[in-house]
Amino acid sequence: MVGGSTPSGTAIRPIPLHGAMFSATATRAPPITARSSARLDPNGHGFALNLLNSEWCKIAVRLSSYEFCRFCNLPRFQIFTHMPDHSAQEPAMFHVANDARFWDRIARKYAADPIADMAGYERTLERTRHYLNGAETAFEFGCGTGTTALRLAPSLRRIVATDISSGMIAIAREKAEAEDRANVAFEVATPDAAPWPDESFDVALGFNVLHLVAAREAALNGVHRLLKPGGLFISKTPCLKEMNPLVRIAVRVMQVFGKAPYVAFLSAADLEREMAAAGFEIIERARHASRGRDARPFLVARKR
């Protein structure tokens, strides 16, 4: 069991984790893989919750002993009791630029990472297709390497899929060319700065991305602008506020080293409030995971 105190004398209480304890003795972090640093969605291409069993948790105390919160100047050895979210104080463009570089770095590893819950993923695709009749033009943001856009393309007249990462988009274009999908276009763009005219699309898609958007209000307003009257916004979002609270600690530690992007800790209720404020009405709520507790609500919202 690891205990002790910080340089200021503040006691460090060890925290149990699946029968083990956090350790302050680790001196080297393990390699970051696509599985442990991707889109923070264990139901898709993403950040597996088993990162809580990884060596990253063991370095939490050691790292926090030497870092200070740059907004409130409290020492990060209080990481277990002082985990403020100062992201709202940082400019959104700061997050976009840094996150784009992050996703560019891991794009190839991310593309190779398998979907963890294929049954849940297929259920999400099935429910999405339920709202499509083949005549719609769709817009997707946070498309990653294009897997979902390419899977849904046969059910749409045309889909424009976007991401902030040029590295992700390059891979998506390679996949589209390999599959000879002529009705899919991949572009580097964000909803709040999209170049398309108002009311250009019948459907907007945002899977496993809203928790990664710092300027969510602007993004949702952008989606609303792009949709035709009565258009649908279909999304699925990991709500980390509903997950094990140790996820917050693990993410913050990884962010210290640039091994995780901006992440918002949201609940399903938070998402619904934000969508309502942007002018959407929720018409379907579902959870699609095939195993375990599902903290990734699938929401279908109609533009009011």
C-alpha atoms as a PDB file:
ATOM      1  CA  MET A   1       0.000   0.000   0.000  1.00  0.00           C
ATOM      2  CA  VAL A   2       1.337   3.402  -0.941  1.00  0.00           C
ATOM      3  CA  GLY A   3       0.965   6.308   1.450  1.00  0.00           C
ATOM      4  CA  GLY A   4       3.179   9.147   2.636  1.00  0.00           C
ATOM      5  CA  SER A   5       3.010  12.900   2.235  1.00  0.00           C
ATOM      6  CA  THR A   6       3.710  15.623  -0.279  1.00  0.00           C
ATOM      7  CA  PRO A   7       6.577  18.127   0.030  1.00  0.00           C
ATOM      8  CA  SER A   8       4.235  20.463   1.933  1.00  0.00           C
ATOM      9  CA  GLY A   9       3.245  17.775   4.412  1.00  0.00           C
ATOM     10  CA  THR A  10      -0.183  17.094   2.914  1.00  0.00           C
ATOM     11  CA  ALA A  11      -0.965  13.411   3.345  1.00  0.00           C
ATOM     12  CA  ILE A  12      -1.481  11.321   0.242  1.00  0.00           C
ATOM     13  CA  ARG A  13      -4.180   8.751   0.829  1.00  0.00           C
ATOM     14  CA  PRO A  14      -3.835   5.709  -1.436  1.00  0.00           C
ATOM     15  CA  ILE A  15      -6.920   4.979  -3.487  1.00  0.00           C
ATOM     16  CA  PRO A  16      -7.992   1.369  -4.170  1.00  0.00           C
ATOM     17  CA  LEU A  17      -8.417   0.454  -7.816  1.00  0.00           C
ATOM     18  CA  HIS A  18      -9.745  -3.003  -8.699  1.00  0.00           C
ATOM     19  CA  GLY A  19      -8.020  -4.496  -5.686  1.00  0.00           C
ATOM     20  CA  ALA A  20      -4.762  -2.635  -6.302  1.00  0.00           C
ATOM     21  CA  MET A  21      -3.526   0.741  -5.142  1.00  0.00           C
ATOM     22  CA  PHE A  22      -2.137   3.796  -6.853  1.00  0.00           C
ATOM     23  CA  SER A  23       1.648   3.730  -6.674  1.00  0.00           C
ATOM     24  CA  ALA A  24       3.951   6.701  -6.340  1.00  0.00           C
ATOM     25  CA  THR A  25       6.993   4.707  -7.396  1.00  0.00           C
ATOM     26  CA  ALA A  26       6.574   4.458 -11.154  1.00  0.00           C
ATOM     27  CA  THR A  27       9.340   6.278 -12.997  1.00  0.00           C
ATOM     28  CA  ARG A  28       8.427   5.722 -16.617  1.00  0.00           C
ATOM     29  CA  ALA A  29       5.134   5.864 -18.471  1.00  0.00           C
ATOM     30  CA  PRO A  30       4.283   3.054 -20.887  1.00  0.00           C
ATOM     31  CA  PRO A  31       3.873   3.706 -24.602  1.00  0.00           C
ATOM     32  CA  ILE A  32       0.592   5.365 -25.501  1.00  0.00           C
ATOM     33  CA  THR A  33      -1.427   3.248 -27.877  1.00  0.00           C
ATOM     34  CA  ALA A  34      -4.387   4.166 -30.028  1.00  0.00           C
ATOM     35  CA  ARG A  35      -6.570   2.131 -27.691  1.00  0.00           C
ATOM     36  CA  SER A  36      -5.570   4.200 -24.648  1.00  0.00           C
ATOM     37  CA  SER A  37      -5.572   7.626 -26.279  1.00  0.00           C
ATOM     38  CA  ALA A  38      -8.224   7.704 -28.972  1.00  0.00           C
ATOM     39  CA  ARG A  39     -11.731   9.073 -28.984  1.00  0.00           C
ATOM     40  CA  LEU A  40     -12.590   8.252 -25.390  1.00  0.00           C
ATOM     41  CA  ASP A  41     -15.403   5.936 -26.418  1.00  0.00           C
ATOM     42  CA  PRO A  42     -15.097   2.295 -25.372  1.00  0.00           C
ATOM     43  CA  ASN A  43     -18.095   1.476 -27.582  1.00  0.00           C
ATOM     44  CA  GLY A  44     -16.349   2.612 -30.748  1.00  0.00           C
ATOM     45  CA  HIS A  45     -12.825   3.459 -31.886  1.00  0.00           C
ATOM     46  CA  GLY A  46     -11.781   4.782 -28.565  1.00  0.00           C
ATOM     47  CA  PHE A  47     -10.217   5.291 -25.251  1.00  0.00           C
ATOM     48  CA  ALA A  48     -10.784   2.043 -23.350  1.00  0.00           C
ATOM     49  CA  LEU A  49     -11.844   2.355 -19.751  1.00  0.00           C
ATOM     50  CA  ASN A  50      -9.265  -0.263 -18.919  1.00  0.00           C
ATOM     51  CA  LEU A  51      -6.747   2.594 -18.979  1.00  0.00           C
ATOM     52  CA  LEU A  52      -7.680   2.789 -15.298  1.00  0.00           C
ATOM     53  CA  ASN A  53      -5.749  -0.441 -14.847  1.00  0.00           C
ATOM     54  CA  SER A  54      -2.725   0.925 -16.702  1.00  0.00           C
ATOM     55  CA  GLU A  55       0.580   2.299 -15.499  1.00  0.00           C
ATOM     56  CA  TRP A  56      -0.765   5.809 -16.110  1.00  0.00           C
ATOM     57  CA  CYS A  57      -2.734   5.558 -12.904  1.00  0.00           C
ATOM     58  CA  LYS A  58       0.406   4.569 -11.015  1.00  0.00           C
ATOM     59  CA  ILE A  59       2.227   7.753 -11.913  1.00  0.00           C
ATOM     60  CA  ALA A  60      -0.595  10.069 -10.831  1.00  0.00           C
ATOM     61  CA  VAL A  61       0.794  10.844  -7.391  1.00  0.00           C
ATOM     62  CA  ARG A  62       4.391  11.201  -8.576  1.00  0.00           C
ATOM     63  CA  LEU A  63       3.512  13.551 -11.428  1.00  0.00           C
ATOM     64  CA  SER A  64       1.112  15.638  -9.409  1.00  0.00           C
ATOM     65  CA  SER A  65       3.747  16.297  -6.760  1.00  0.00           C
ATOM     66  CA  TYR A  66       5.693  18.473  -9.186  1.00  0.00           C
ATOM     67  CA  GLU A  67       2.961  20.307 -11.100  1.00  0.00           C
ATOM     68  CA  PHE A  68       0.903  23.371 -10.289  1.00  0.00           C
ATOM     69  CA  CYS A  69      -2.498  24.310 -11.638  1.00  0.00           C
ATOM     70  CA  ARG A  70      -1.730  27.175 -13.985  1.00  0.00           C
ATOM     71  CA  PHE A  71      -5.067  28.892 -13.315  1.00  0.00           C
ATOM     72  CA  CYS A  72      -5.431  28.710  -9.535  1.00  0.00           C
ATOM     73  CA  ASN A  73      -1.794  27.925  -8.667  1.00  0.00           C
ATOM     74  CA  LEU A  74      -2.657  25.088  -6.320  1.00  0.00           C
ATOM     75  CA  PRO A  75      -0.149  22.241  -6.330  1.00  0.00           C
ATOM     76  CA  ARG A  76      -1.214  19.221  -8.314  1.00  0.00           C
ATOM     77  CA  PHE A  77      -0.363  16.859  -5.480  1.00  0.00           C
ATOM     78  CA  GLN A  78      -3.964  17.676  -4.556  1.00  0.00           C
ATOM     79  CA  ILE A  79      -5.044  15.997  -7.788  1.00  0.00           C
ATOM     80  CA  PHE A  80      -7.303  13.571  -5.913  1.00  0.00           C
ATOM     81  CA  THR A  81      -9.308  16.343  -4.263  1.00  0.00           C
ATOM     82  CA  HIS A  82      -8.570  19.300  -6.525  1.00  0.00           C
ATOM     83  CA  MET A  83      -9.446  18.515 -10.124  1.00  0.00           C
ATOM     84  CA  PRO A  84     -10.898  21.813 -11.404  1.00  0.00           C
ATOM     85  CA  ASP A  85     -12.024  22.109 -15.008  1.00  0.00           C
ATOM     86  CA  HIS A  86     -10.592  25.403 -16.249  1.00  0.00           C
ATOM     87  CA  SER A  87     -11.211  24.591 -19.902  1.00  0.00           C
ATOM     88  CA  ALA A  88     -13.862  27.295 -20.179  1.00  0.00           C
ATOM     89  CA  GLN A  89     -11.167  29.880 -19.427  1.00  0.00           C
ATOM     90  CA  GLU A  90      -9.066  28.815 -22.405  1.00  0.00           C
ATOM     91  CA  PRO A  91      -9.835  30.147 -25.903  1.00  0.00           C
ATOM     92  CA  ALA A  92     -11.641  27.606 -28.084  1.00  0.00           C
ATOM     93  CA  MET A  93      -9.127  28.110 -30.874  1.00  0.00           C
ATOM     94  CA  PHE A  94      -6.380  27.057 -28.455  1.00  0.00           C
ATOM     95  CA  HIS A  95      -8.110  23.689 -28.073  1.00  0.00           C
ATOM     96  CA  VAL A  96      -8.813  23.291 -31.789  1.00  0.00           C
ATOM     97  CA  ALA A  97      -5.195  23.882 -32.803  1.00  0.00           C
ATOM     98  CA  ASN A  98      -3.756  21.656 -30.094  1.00  0.00           C
ATOM     99  CA  ASP A  99      -6.317  18.912 -30.593  1.00  0.00           C
ATOM    100  CA  ALA A 100      -5.761  18.901 -34.352  1.00  0.00           C
ATOM    101  CA  ARG A 101      -2.056  18.283 -33.754  1.00  0.00           C
ATOM    102  CA  PHE A 102      -2.897  15.550 -31.235  1.00  0.00           C
ATOM    103  CA  TRP A 103      -5.188  13.673 -33.634  1.00  0.00           C
ATOM    104  CA  ASP A 104      -2.735  14.131 -36.507  1.00  0.00           C
ATOM    105  CA  ARG A 105      -0.043  12.417 -34.432  1.00  0.00           C
ATOM    106  CA  ILE A 106      -2.129   9.348 -33.637  1.00  0.00           C
ATOM    107  CA  ALA A 107      -4.183   9.114 -36.858  1.00  0.00           C
ATOM    108  CA  ARG A 108      -2.548   5.949 -38.204  1.00  0.00           C
ATOM    109  CA  LYS A 109      -2.731   4.141 -34.873  1.00  0.00           C
ATOM    110  CA  TYR A 110      -6.313   5.276 -34.430  1.00  0.00           C
ATOM    111  CA  ALA A 111      -7.249   3.912 -37.857  1.00  0.00           C
ATOM    112  CA  ALA A 112      -5.798   0.519 -36.965  1.00  0.00           C
ATOM    113  CA  ASP A 113      -7.582   0.245 -33.617  1.00  0.00           C
ATOM    114  CA  PRO A 114     -10.522  -2.198 -33.712  1.00  0.00           C
ATOM    115  CA  ILE A 115     -14.021  -1.258 -32.594  1.00  0.00           C
ATOM    116  CA  ALA A 116     -14.389  -2.560 -29.053  1.00  0.00           C
ATOM    117  CA  ASP A 117     -18.156  -3.202 -29.062  1.00  0.00           C
ATOM    118  CA  MET A 118     -19.050  -4.108 -32.625  1.00  0.00           C
ATOM    119  CA  ALA A 119     -22.585  -5.182 -31.696  1.00  0.00           C
ATOM    120  CA  GLY A 120     -23.257  -1.804 -30.076  1.00  0.00           C
ATOM    121  CA  TYR A 121     -21.744   0.008 -33.062  1.00  0.00           C
ATOM    122  CA  GLU A 122     -23.940  -1.942 -35.492  1.00  0.00           C
ATOM    123  CA  ARG A 123     -26.999  -1.109 -33.410  1.00  0.00           C
ATOM    124  CA  THR A 124     -26.145   2.587 -33.686  1.00  0.00           C
ATOM    125  CA  LEU A 125     -25.788   2.303 -37.461  1.00  0.00           C
ATOM    126  CA  GLU A 126     -29.093   0.435 -37.671  1.00  0.00           C
ATOM    127  CA  ARG A 127     -30.988   3.106 -35.731  1.00  0.00           C
ATOM    128  CA  THR A 128     -29.364   5.854 -37.794  1.00  0.00           C
ATOM    129  CA  ARG A 129     -30.410   4.169 -41.055  1.00  0.00           C
ATOM    130  CA  HIS A 130     -33.959   4.051 -39.707  1.00  0.00           C
ATOM    131  CA  TYR A 131     -34.106   7.830 -40.275  1.00  0.00           C
ATOM    132  CA  LEU A 132     -32.641   7.696 -43.794  1.00  0.00           C
ATOM    133  CA  ASN A 133     -34.409   6.916 -47.060  1.00  0.00           C
ATOM    134  CA  GLY A 134     -31.550   7.346 -49.521  1.00  0.00           C
ATOM    135  CA  ALA A 135     -32.524  10.835 -50.683  1.00  0.00           C
ATOM    136  CA  GLU A 136     -30.841  12.865 -47.934  1.00  0.00           C
ATOM    137  CA  THR A 137     -27.727  14.978 -48.008  1.00  0.00           C
ATOM    138  CA  ALA A 138     -25.813  14.600 -44.747  1.00  0.00           C
ATOM    139  CA  PHE A 139     -23.089  16.453 -42.867  1.00  0.00           C
ATOM    140  CA  GLU A 140     -20.869  14.694 -40.334  1.00  0.00           C
ATOM    141  CA  PHE A 141     -18.419  16.382 -37.977  1.00  0.00           C
ATOM    142  CA  GLY A 142     -15.710  14.602 -36.032  1.00  0.00           C
ATOM    143  CA  CYS A 143     -15.683  11.861 -38.676  1.00  0.00           C
ATOM    144  CA  GLY A 144     -12.211  10.596 -37.754  1.00  0.00           C
ATOM    145  CA  THR A 145     -10.916   8.228 -40.407  1.00  0.00           C
ATOM    146  CA  GLY A 146     -14.311   7.982 -42.079  1.00  0.00           C
ATOM    147  CA  THR A 147     -15.483   4.526 -40.997  1.00  0.00           C
ATOM    148  CA  THR A 148     -19.029   5.575 -40.093  1.00  0.00           C
ATOM    149  CA  ALA A 149     -19.460   7.908 -43.074  1.00  0.00           C
ATOM    150  CA  LEU A 150     -18.469   5.122 -45.438  1.00  0.00           C
ATOM    151  CA  ARG A 151     -20.796   2.639 -43.729  1.00  0.00           C
ATOM    152  CA  LEU A 152     -23.751   5.043 -43.996  1.00  0.00           C
ATOM    153  CA  ALA A 153     -22.976   6.316 -47.514  1.00  0.00           C
ATOM    154  CA  PRO A 154     -25.125   3.655 -49.288  1.00  0.00           C
ATOM    155  CA  SER A 155     -28.152   4.960 -47.337  1.00  0.00           C
ATOM    156  CA  LEU A 156     -27.617   8.580 -48.397  1.00  0.00           C
ATOM    157  CA  ARG A 157     -27.647  10.582 -51.610  1.00  0.00           C
ATOM    158  CA  ARG A 158     -24.484  12.371 -50.485  1.00  0.00           C
ATOM    159  CA  ILE A 159     -22.480  12.852 -47.285  1.00  0.00           C
ATOM    160  CA  VAL A 160     -19.880  15.489 -46.487  1.00  0.00           C
ATOM    161  CA  ALA A 161     -17.779  14.244 -43.554  1.00  0.00           C
ATOM    162  CA  THR A 162     -15.445  16.593 -41.684  1.00  0.00           C
ATOM    163  CA  ASP A 163     -12.807  16.566 -38.970  1.00  0.00           C
ATOM    164  CA  ILE A 164     -10.327  19.040 -37.469  1.00  0.00           C
ATOM    165  CA  SER A 165      -7.464  16.624 -38.196  1.00  0.00           C
ATOM    166  CA  SER A 166      -5.952  16.691 -41.672  1.00  0.00           C
ATOM    167  CA  GLY A 167      -4.234  13.403 -40.825  1.00  0.00           C
ATOM    168  CA  MET A 168      -7.580  11.735 -40.139  1.00  0.00           C
ATOM    169  CA  ILE A 169      -9.087  13.192 -43.314  1.00  0.00           C
ATOM    170  CA  ALA A 170      -6.161  11.948 -45.413  1.00  0.00           C
ATOM    171  CA  ILE A 171      -6.801   8.395 -44.208  1.00  0.00           C
ATOM    172  CA  ALA A 172     -10.558   8.767 -44.776  1.00  0.00           C
ATOM    173  CA  ARG A 173      -9.939   9.833 -48.378  1.00  0.00           C
ATOM    174  CA  GLU A 174      -7.696   6.836 -48.910  1.00  0.00           C
ATOM    175  CA  LYS A 175     -10.431   4.548 -47.630  1.00  0.00           C
ATOM    176  CA  ALA A 176     -13.078   6.215 -49.803  1.00  0.00           C
ATOM    177  CA  GLU A 177     -10.902   5.785 -52.878  1.00  0.00           C
ATOM    178  CA  ALA A 178     -10.244   2.146 -52.027  1.00  0.00           C
ATOM    179  CA  GLU A 179     -13.995   1.524 -51.640  1.00  0.00           C
ATOM    180  CA  ASP A 180     -14.840   3.627 -54.710  1.00  0.00           C
ATOM    181  CA  ARG A 181     -17.439   5.683 -52.834  1.00  0.00           C
ATOM    182  CA  ALA A 182     -18.360   8.523 -55.144  1.00  0.00           C
ATOM    183  CA  ASN A 183     -21.047  10.067 -52.885  1.00  0.00           C
ATOM    184  CA  VAL A 184     -18.693  10.786 -49.962  1.00  0.00           C
ATOM    185  CA  ALA A 185     -16.525  13.876 -49.566  1.00  0.00           C
ATOM    186  CA  PHE A 186     -14.048  14.345 -46.719  1.00  0.00           C
ATOM    187  CA  GLU A 187     -13.028  17.860 -45.670  1.00  0.00           C
ATOM    188  CA  VAL A 188     -11.142  19.576 -42.847  1.00  0.00           C
ATOM    189  CA  ALA A 189     -13.781  21.744 -41.171  1.00  0.00           C
ATOM    190  CA  THR A 190     -15.758  22.412 -37.998  1.00  0.00           C
ATOM    191  CA  PRO A 191     -19.524  23.018 -37.673  1.00  0.00           C
ATOM    192  CA  ASP A 192     -19.107  26.566 -36.395  1.00  0.00           C
ATOM    193  CA  ALA A 193     -16.864  27.550 -39.316  1.00  0.00           C
ATOM    194  CA  ALA A 194     -18.285  25.350 -42.073  1.00  0.00           C
ATOM    195  CA  PRO A 195     -18.192  26.968 -45.532  1.00  0.00           C
ATOM    196  CA  TRP A 196     -21.586  25.689 -46.689  1.00  0.00           C
ATOM    197  CA  PRO A 197     -24.693  27.916 -46.913  1.00  0.00           C
ATOM    198  CA  ASP A 198     -27.490  27.898 -44.378  1.00  0.00           C
ATOM    199  CA  GLU A 199     -29.957  24.993 -44.613  1.00  0.00           C
ATOM    200  CA  SER A 200     -27.695  22.899 -46.872  1.00  0.00           C
ATOM    201  CA  PHE A 201     -28.278  19.482 -45.270  1.00  0.00           C
ATOM    202  CA  ASP A 202     -31.137  17.181 -44.334  1.00  0.00           C
ATOM    203  CA  VAL A 203     -29.194  15.311 -41.641  1.00  0.00           C
ATOM    204  CA  ALA A 204     -26.233  16.093 -39.376  1.00  0.00           C
ATOM    205  CA  LEU A 205     -24.193  13.381 -37.682  1.00  0.00           C
ATOM    206  CA  GLY A 206     -21.881  13.673 -34.681  1.00  0.00           C
ATOM    207  CA  PHE A 207     -20.678  10.377 -33.239  1.00  0.00           C
ATOM    208  CA  ASN A 208     -18.272  10.236 -30.282  1.00  0.00           C
ATOM    209  CA  VAL A 209     -17.253  13.866 -30.715  1.00  0.00           C
ATOM    210  CA  LEU A 210     -19.303  16.371 -28.673  1.00  0.00           C
ATOM    211  CA  HIS A 211     -17.343  15.650 -25.490  1.00  0.00           C
ATOM    212  CA  LEU A 212     -14.181  16.587 -27.418  1.00  0.00           C
ATOM    213  CA  VAL A 213     -15.467  19.994 -28.566  1.00  0.00           C
ATOM    214  CA  ALA A 214     -14.506  22.935 -26.357  1.00  0.00           C
ATOM    215  CA  ALA A 215     -16.769  25.378 -28.230  1.00  0.00           C
ATOM    216  CA  ARG A 216     -19.829  23.128 -28.039  1.00  0.00           C
ATOM    217  CA  GLU A 217     -22.354  25.980 -28.048  1.00  0.00           C
ATOM    218  CA  ALA A 218     -20.876  27.353 -31.280  1.00  0.00           C
ATOM    219  CA  ALA A 219     -20.704  23.876 -32.783  1.00  0.00           C
ATOM    220  CA  LEU A 220     -24.355  23.111 -32.003  1.00  0.00           C
ATOM    221  CA  ASN A 221     -25.417  26.486 -33.377  1.00  0.00           C
ATOM    222  CA  GLY A 222     -23.409  25.694 -36.508  1.00  0.00           C
ATOM    223  CA  VAL A 223     -25.154  22.352 -36.898  1.00  0.00           C
ATOM    224  CA  HIS A 224     -28.515  24.102 -36.477  1.00  0.00           C
ATOM    225  CA  ARG A 225     -27.583  26.645 -39.163  1.00  0.00           C
ATOM    226  CA  LEU A 226     -26.550  23.954 -41.650  1.00  0.00           C
ATOM    227  CA  LEU A 227     -29.724  21.906 -41.273  1.00  0.00           C
ATOM    228  CA  LYS A 228     -32.887  22.472 -43.273  1.00  0.00           C
ATOM    229  CA  PRO A 229     -36.088  23.175 -41.282  1.00  0.00           C
ATOM    230  CA  GLY A 230     -37.098  19.940 -39.570  1.00  0.00           C
ATOM    231  CA  GLY A 231     -33.685  18.407 -40.260  1.00  0.00           C
ATOM    232  CA  LEU A 232     -32.263  15.777 -37.925  1.00  0.00           C
ATOM    233  CA  PHE A 233     -29.155  15.823 -35.776  1.00  0.00           C
ATOM    234  CA  ILE A 234     -28.135  12.262 -34.839  1.00  0.00           C
ATOM    235  CA  SER A 235     -25.416  11.810 -32.250  1.00  0.00           C
ATOM    236  CA  LYS A 236     -23.854   9.465 -29.736  1.00  0.00           C
ATOM    237  CA  THR A 237     -21.639  10.915 -27.023  1.00  0.00           C
ATOM    238  CA  PRO A 238     -19.551   9.390 -24.227  1.00  0.00           C
ATOM    239  CA  CYS A 239     -20.762  11.092 -21.048  1.00  0.00           C
ATOM    240  CA  LEU A 240     -17.751  10.868 -18.786  1.00  0.00           C
ATOM    241  CA  LYS A 241     -19.622  12.405 -15.874  1.00  0.00           C
ATOM    242  CA  GLU A 242     -21.619   9.165 -15.758  1.00  0.00           C
ATOM    243  CA  MET A 243     -18.506   6.961 -15.795  1.00  0.00           C
ATOM    244  CA  ASN A 244     -16.129   5.935 -13.044  1.00  0.00           C
ATOM    245  CA  PRO A 245     -14.837   9.175 -11.446  1.00  0.00           C
ATOM    246  CA  LEU A 246     -11.295   7.850 -11.755  1.00  0.00           C
ATOM    247  CA  VAL A 247     -11.573   8.471 -15.494  1.00  0.00           C
ATOM    248  CA  ARG A 248     -11.340  12.200 -14.740  1.00  0.00           C
ATOM    249  CA  ILE A 249      -8.065  11.656 -12.870  1.00  0.00           C
ATOM    250  CA  ALA A 250      -6.598   9.494 -15.619  1.00  0.00           C
ATOM    251  CA  VAL A 251      -7.523  11.979 -18.339  1.00  0.00           C
ATOM    252  CA  ARG A 252      -6.069  14.929 -16.442  1.00  0.00           C
ATOM    253  CA  VAL A 253      -2.785  13.093 -15.905  1.00  0.00           C
ATOM    254  CA  MET A 254      -2.572  12.200 -19.590  1.00  0.00           C
ATOM    255  CA  GLN A 255      -3.313  15.799 -20.567  1.00  0.00           C
ATOM    256  CA  VAL A 256      -0.330  16.990 -18.525  1.00  0.00           C
ATOM    257  CA  PHE A 257       1.861  15.077 -20.987  1.00  0.00           C
ATOM    258  CA  GLY A 258      -0.100  15.934 -24.123  1.00  0.00           C
ATOM    259  CA  LYS A 259      -1.373  12.360 -24.338  1.00  0.00           C
ATOM    260  CA  ALA A 260      -5.066  13.280 -24.295  1.00  0.00           C
ATOM    261  CA  PRO A 261      -7.013  16.051 -26.048  1.00  0.00           C
ATOM    262  CA  TYR A 262      -9.562  18.452 -24.590  1.00  0.00           C
ATOM    263  CA  VAL A 263     -12.318  16.433 -22.904  1.00  0.00           C
ATOM    264  CA  ALA A 264     -15.582  17.688 -21.395  1.00  0.00           C
ATOM    265  CA  PHE A 265     -17.134  15.779 -18.514  1.00  0.00           C
ATOM    266  CA  LEU A 266     -20.814  15.766 -19.457  1.00  0.00           C
ATOM    267  CA  SER A 267     -23.971  13.918 -18.478  1.00  0.00           C
ATOM    268  CA  ALA A 268     -26.816  13.019 -20.808  1.00  0.00           C
ATOM    269  CA  ALA A 269     -28.897  15.733 -19.140  1.00  0.00           C
ATOM    270  CA  ASP A 270     -26.160  18.282 -19.879  1.00  0.00           C
ATOM    271  CA  LEU A 271     -26.196  17.308 -23.556  1.00  0.00           C
ATOM    272  CA  GLU A 272     -29.950  17.559 -23.836  1.00  0.00           C
ATOM    273  CA  ARG A 273     -29.981  21.010 -22.219  1.00  0.00           C
ATOM    274  CA  GLU A 274     -27.318  22.249 -24.628  1.00  0.00           C
ATOM    275  CA  MET A 275     -29.162  20.847 -27.633  1.00  0.00           C
ATOM    276  CA  ALA A 276     -32.435  22.417 -26.515  1.00  0.00           C
ATOM    277  CA  ALA A 277     -30.689  25.782 -26.094  1.00  0.00           C
ATOM    278  CA  ALA A 278     -29.377  25.491 -29.667  1.00  0.00           C
ATOM    279  CA  GLY A 279     -32.887  24.968 -31.037  1.00  0.00           C
ATOM    280  CA  PHE A 280     -33.320  21.184 -31.112  1.00  0.00           C
ATOM    281  CA  GLU A 281     -36.074  18.897 -29.856  1.00  0.00           C
ATOM    282  CA  ILE A 282     -35.044  15.380 -28.769  1.00  0.00           C
ATOM    283  CA  ILE A 283     -37.187  12.734 -30.495  1.00  0.00           C
ATOM    284  CA  GLU A 284     -35.271   9.573 -29.571  1.00  0.00           C
ATOM    285  CA  ARG A 285     -33.080   8.550 -26.648  1.00  0.00           C
ATOM    286  CA  ALA A 286     -31.321   5.197 -26.540  1.00  0.00           C
ATOM    287  CA  ARG A 287     -28.293   3.295 -25.236  1.00  0.00           C
ATOM    288  CA  HIS A 288     -26.732   0.767 -27.584  1.00  0.00           C
ATOM    289  CA  ALA A 289     -23.899  -0.944 -25.710  1.00  0.00           C
ATOM    290  CA  SER A 290     -24.093  -4.734 -25.871  1.00  0.00           C
ATOM    291  CA  ARG A 291     -22.405  -5.212 -22.506  1.00  0.00           C
ATOM    292  CA  GLY A 292     -21.762  -3.350 -19.275  1.00  0.00           C
ATOM    293  CA  ARG A 293     -23.117  -0.002 -18.175  1.00  0.00           C
ATOM    294  CA  ASP A 294     -23.597   2.299 -21.139  1.00  0.00           C
ATOM    295  CA  ALA A 295     -22.684   5.952 -20.624  1.00  0.00           C
ATOM    296  CA  ARG A 296     -22.974   6.848 -24.314  1.00  0.00           C
ATOM    297  CA  PRO A 297     -26.480   8.148 -25.062  1.00  0.00           C
ATOM    298  CA  PHE A 298     -27.689   7.959 -28.647  1.00  0.00           C
ATOM    299  CA  LEU A 299     -29.818  11.039 -29.314  1.00  0.00           C
ATOM    300  CA  VAL A 300     -31.896  12.012 -32.316  1.00  0.00           C
ATOM    301  CA  ALA A 301     -32.860  15.676 -32.313  1.00  0.00           C
ATOM    302  CA  ARG A 302     -35.054  17.609 -34.728  1.00  0.00           C
ATOM    303  CA  LYS A 303     -34.364  21.233 -35.688  1.00  0.00           C
ATOM    304  CA  ARG A 304     -37.154  23.436 -34.400  1.00  0.00           C
END
